[in-house]
């Protein structure tokens, strides 16, 4: 059984998630870079829309 009330358990879960994300990024650098590019483009578009009257 999991006891989610303990901070130690949450730290362990967080570490596992970070490690799996890091491993995924190492194995799939192209898709990770594409994801960041998409986010950057979306941010620039929303900024452009906010500036236009």
N, C-alpha and C. Protein backbone atom coordinates (compact mmCIF):
# COMPACT_ATOMS: atom_id res chain seq x y z
N UNK A 1 0.84 -1.21 0.00
CA UNK A 1 0.00 0.00 0.00
C UNK A 1 0.88 1.26 0.00
N UNK A 2 0.38 2.25 -0.75
CA UNK A 2 1.07 3.54 -0.76
C UNK A 2 0.55 4.41 0.37
N UNK A 3 1.45 5.13 1.00
CA UNK A 3 1.04 6.13 1.97
C UNK A 3 1.47 7.48 1.41
N UNK A 4 0.52 8.14 0.73
CA UNK A 4 0.87 9.35 0.00
C UNK A 4 1.01 10.55 0.92
N UNK A 5 0.74 10.35 2.21
CA UNK A 5 0.80 11.48 3.13
C UNK A 5 2.23 11.82 3.50
N UNK A 6 3.15 10.87 3.31
CA UNK A 6 4.53 11.12 3.73
C UNK A 6 5.28 11.88 2.64
N UNK A 7 5.99 12.93 3.00
CA UNK A 7 6.75 13.70 2.01
C UNK A 7 7.81 12.86 1.31
N UNK A 8 8.38 11.89 2.03
CA UNK A 8 9.42 11.05 1.44
C UNK A 8 8.88 10.31 0.21
N UNK A 9 7.65 9.83 0.31
CA UNK A 9 7.06 9.10 -0.81
C UNK A 9 6.90 10.01 -2.01
N UNK A 10 6.43 11.23 -1.77
CA UNK A 10 6.27 12.19 -2.86
C UNK A 10 7.62 12.51 -3.50
N UNK A 11 8.66 12.64 -2.67
CA UNK A 11 9.99 12.92 -3.21
C UNK A 11 10.44 11.77 -4.09
N UNK A 12 10.18 10.54 -3.66
CA UNK A 12 10.57 9.37 -4.47
C UNK A 12 9.82 9.36 -5.79
N UNK A 13 8.51 9.63 -5.75
CA UNK A 13 7.72 9.67 -6.98
C UNK A 13 8.25 10.74 -7.92
N UNK A 14 8.55 11.90 -7.37
CA UNK A 14 9.04 13.02 -8.17
C UNK A 14 10.37 12.66 -8.82
N UNK A 15 11.22 12.00 -8.06
CA UNK A 15 12.53 11.60 -8.59
C UNK A 15 12.35 10.61 -9.73
N UNK A 16 11.45 9.66 -9.56
CA UNK A 16 11.22 8.66 -10.60
C UNK A 16 10.70 9.33 -11.87
N UNK A 17 9.78 10.28 -11.69
CA UNK A 17 9.21 10.98 -12.84
C UNK A 17 10.31 11.77 -13.56
N UNK A 18 11.13 12.48 -12.78
CA UNK A 18 12.21 13.26 -13.39
C UNK A 18 13.18 12.36 -14.13
N UNK A 19 13.51 11.22 -13.54
CA UNK A 19 14.46 10.32 -14.18
C UNK A 19 13.89 9.76 -15.48
N UNK A 20 12.60 9.43 -15.48
CA UNK A 20 12.00 8.88 -16.69
C UNK A 20 11.91 9.95 -17.78
N UNK A 21 11.62 11.20 -17.37
CA UNK A 21 11.60 12.29 -18.34
C UNK A 21 13.00 12.51 -18.93
N UNK A 22 14.00 12.46 -18.07
CA UNK A 22 15.38 12.65 -18.52
C UNK A 22 15.78 11.54 -19.49
N UNK A 23 15.41 10.31 -19.14
CA UNK A 23 15.72 9.18 -20.01
C UNK A 23 15.02 9.34 -21.35
N UNK A 24 13.75 9.77 -21.31
CA UNK A 24 13.00 9.97 -22.55
C UNK A 24 13.65 11.05 -23.41
N UNK A 25 14.09 12.12 -22.77
CA UNK A 25 14.73 13.21 -23.50
C UNK A 25 16.03 12.73 -24.15
N UNK A 26 16.76 11.86 -23.45
CA UNK A 26 18.01 11.35 -24.02
C UNK A 26 17.73 10.44 -25.21
N UNK A 27 16.63 9.67 -25.13
CA UNK A 27 16.33 8.72 -26.20
C UNK A 27 15.63 9.40 -27.37
N UNK A 28 14.91 10.50 -27.11
CA UNK A 28 14.15 11.16 -28.16
C UNK A 28 14.43 12.66 -28.18
N UNK A 29 15.66 13.04 -28.50
CA UNK A 29 16.01 14.46 -28.44
C UNK A 29 15.22 15.29 -29.46
N UNK A 30 14.88 14.68 -30.60
CA UNK A 30 14.20 15.44 -31.66
C UNK A 30 12.80 15.83 -31.22
N UNK A 31 12.05 14.89 -30.65
CA UNK A 31 10.68 15.19 -30.26
C UNK A 31 10.66 16.18 -29.10
N UNK A 32 11.64 16.09 -28.20
CA UNK A 32 11.71 17.03 -27.08
C UNK A 32 12.00 18.44 -27.60
N UNK A 33 12.95 18.54 -28.54
CA UNK A 33 13.28 19.84 -29.12
C UNK A 33 12.07 20.39 -29.86
N UNK A 34 11.36 19.53 -30.58
CA UNK A 34 10.16 19.97 -31.29
C UNK A 34 9.11 20.47 -30.33
N UNK A 35 8.97 19.82 -29.20
CA UNK A 35 7.98 20.24 -28.20
C UNK A 35 8.30 21.64 -27.70
N UNK A 36 9.58 21.89 -27.43
CA UNK A 36 9.97 23.22 -26.97
C UNK A 36 9.77 24.27 -28.07
N UNK A 37 10.05 23.89 -29.31
CA UNK A 37 9.85 24.82 -30.42
C UNK A 37 8.38 25.19 -30.53
N UNK A 38 7.50 24.20 -30.40
CA UNK A 38 6.06 24.46 -30.49
C UNK A 38 5.64 25.43 -29.39
N UNK A 39 6.13 25.20 -28.17
CA UNK A 39 5.77 26.09 -27.05
C UNK A 39 6.27 27.50 -27.32
N UNK A 40 7.49 27.63 -27.87
CA UNK A 40 8.05 28.94 -28.12
C UNK A 40 7.22 29.67 -29.18
N UNK A 41 6.83 28.95 -30.22
CA UNK A 41 6.04 29.56 -31.29
C UNK A 41 4.69 30.02 -30.73
N UNK A 42 4.07 29.18 -29.91
CA UNK A 42 2.77 29.54 -29.34
C UNK A 42 2.90 30.79 -28.48
N UNK A 43 3.96 30.87 -27.69
CA UNK A 43 4.16 32.05 -26.84
C UNK A 43 4.34 33.30 -27.70
N UNK A 44 5.13 33.18 -28.78
CA UNK A 44 5.36 34.33 -29.65
C UNK A 44 4.06 34.76 -30.33
N UNK A 45 3.23 33.79 -30.72
CA UNK A 45 1.98 34.11 -31.39
C UNK A 45 1.04 34.85 -30.43
N UNK A 46 0.93 34.37 -29.20
CA UNK A 46 0.04 35.02 -28.24
C UNK A 46 0.56 36.41 -27.92
N UNK A 47 1.88 36.57 -27.84
CA UNK A 47 2.45 37.89 -27.58
C UNK A 47 2.15 38.83 -28.75
N UNK A 48 2.22 38.28 -29.97
CA UNK A 48 1.95 39.10 -31.15
C UNK A 48 0.49 39.54 -31.16
N UNK A 49 -0.42 38.61 -30.81
CA UNK A 49 -1.85 38.94 -30.78
C UNK A 49 -2.13 39.99 -29.71
N UNK A 50 -1.43 39.90 -28.60
CA UNK A 50 -1.66 40.86 -27.51
C UNK A 50 -1.19 42.25 -27.92
N UNK A 51 -0.14 42.32 -28.74
CA UNK A 51 0.38 43.62 -29.16
C UNK A 51 -0.47 44.26 -30.24
N UNK A 52 -1.10 43.44 -31.09
CA UNK A 52 -1.88 44.00 -32.19
C UNK A 52 -3.17 44.61 -31.64
N UNK A 53 -3.61 45.71 -32.22
CA UNK A 53 -4.80 46.42 -31.70
C UNK A 53 -6.09 45.64 -31.97
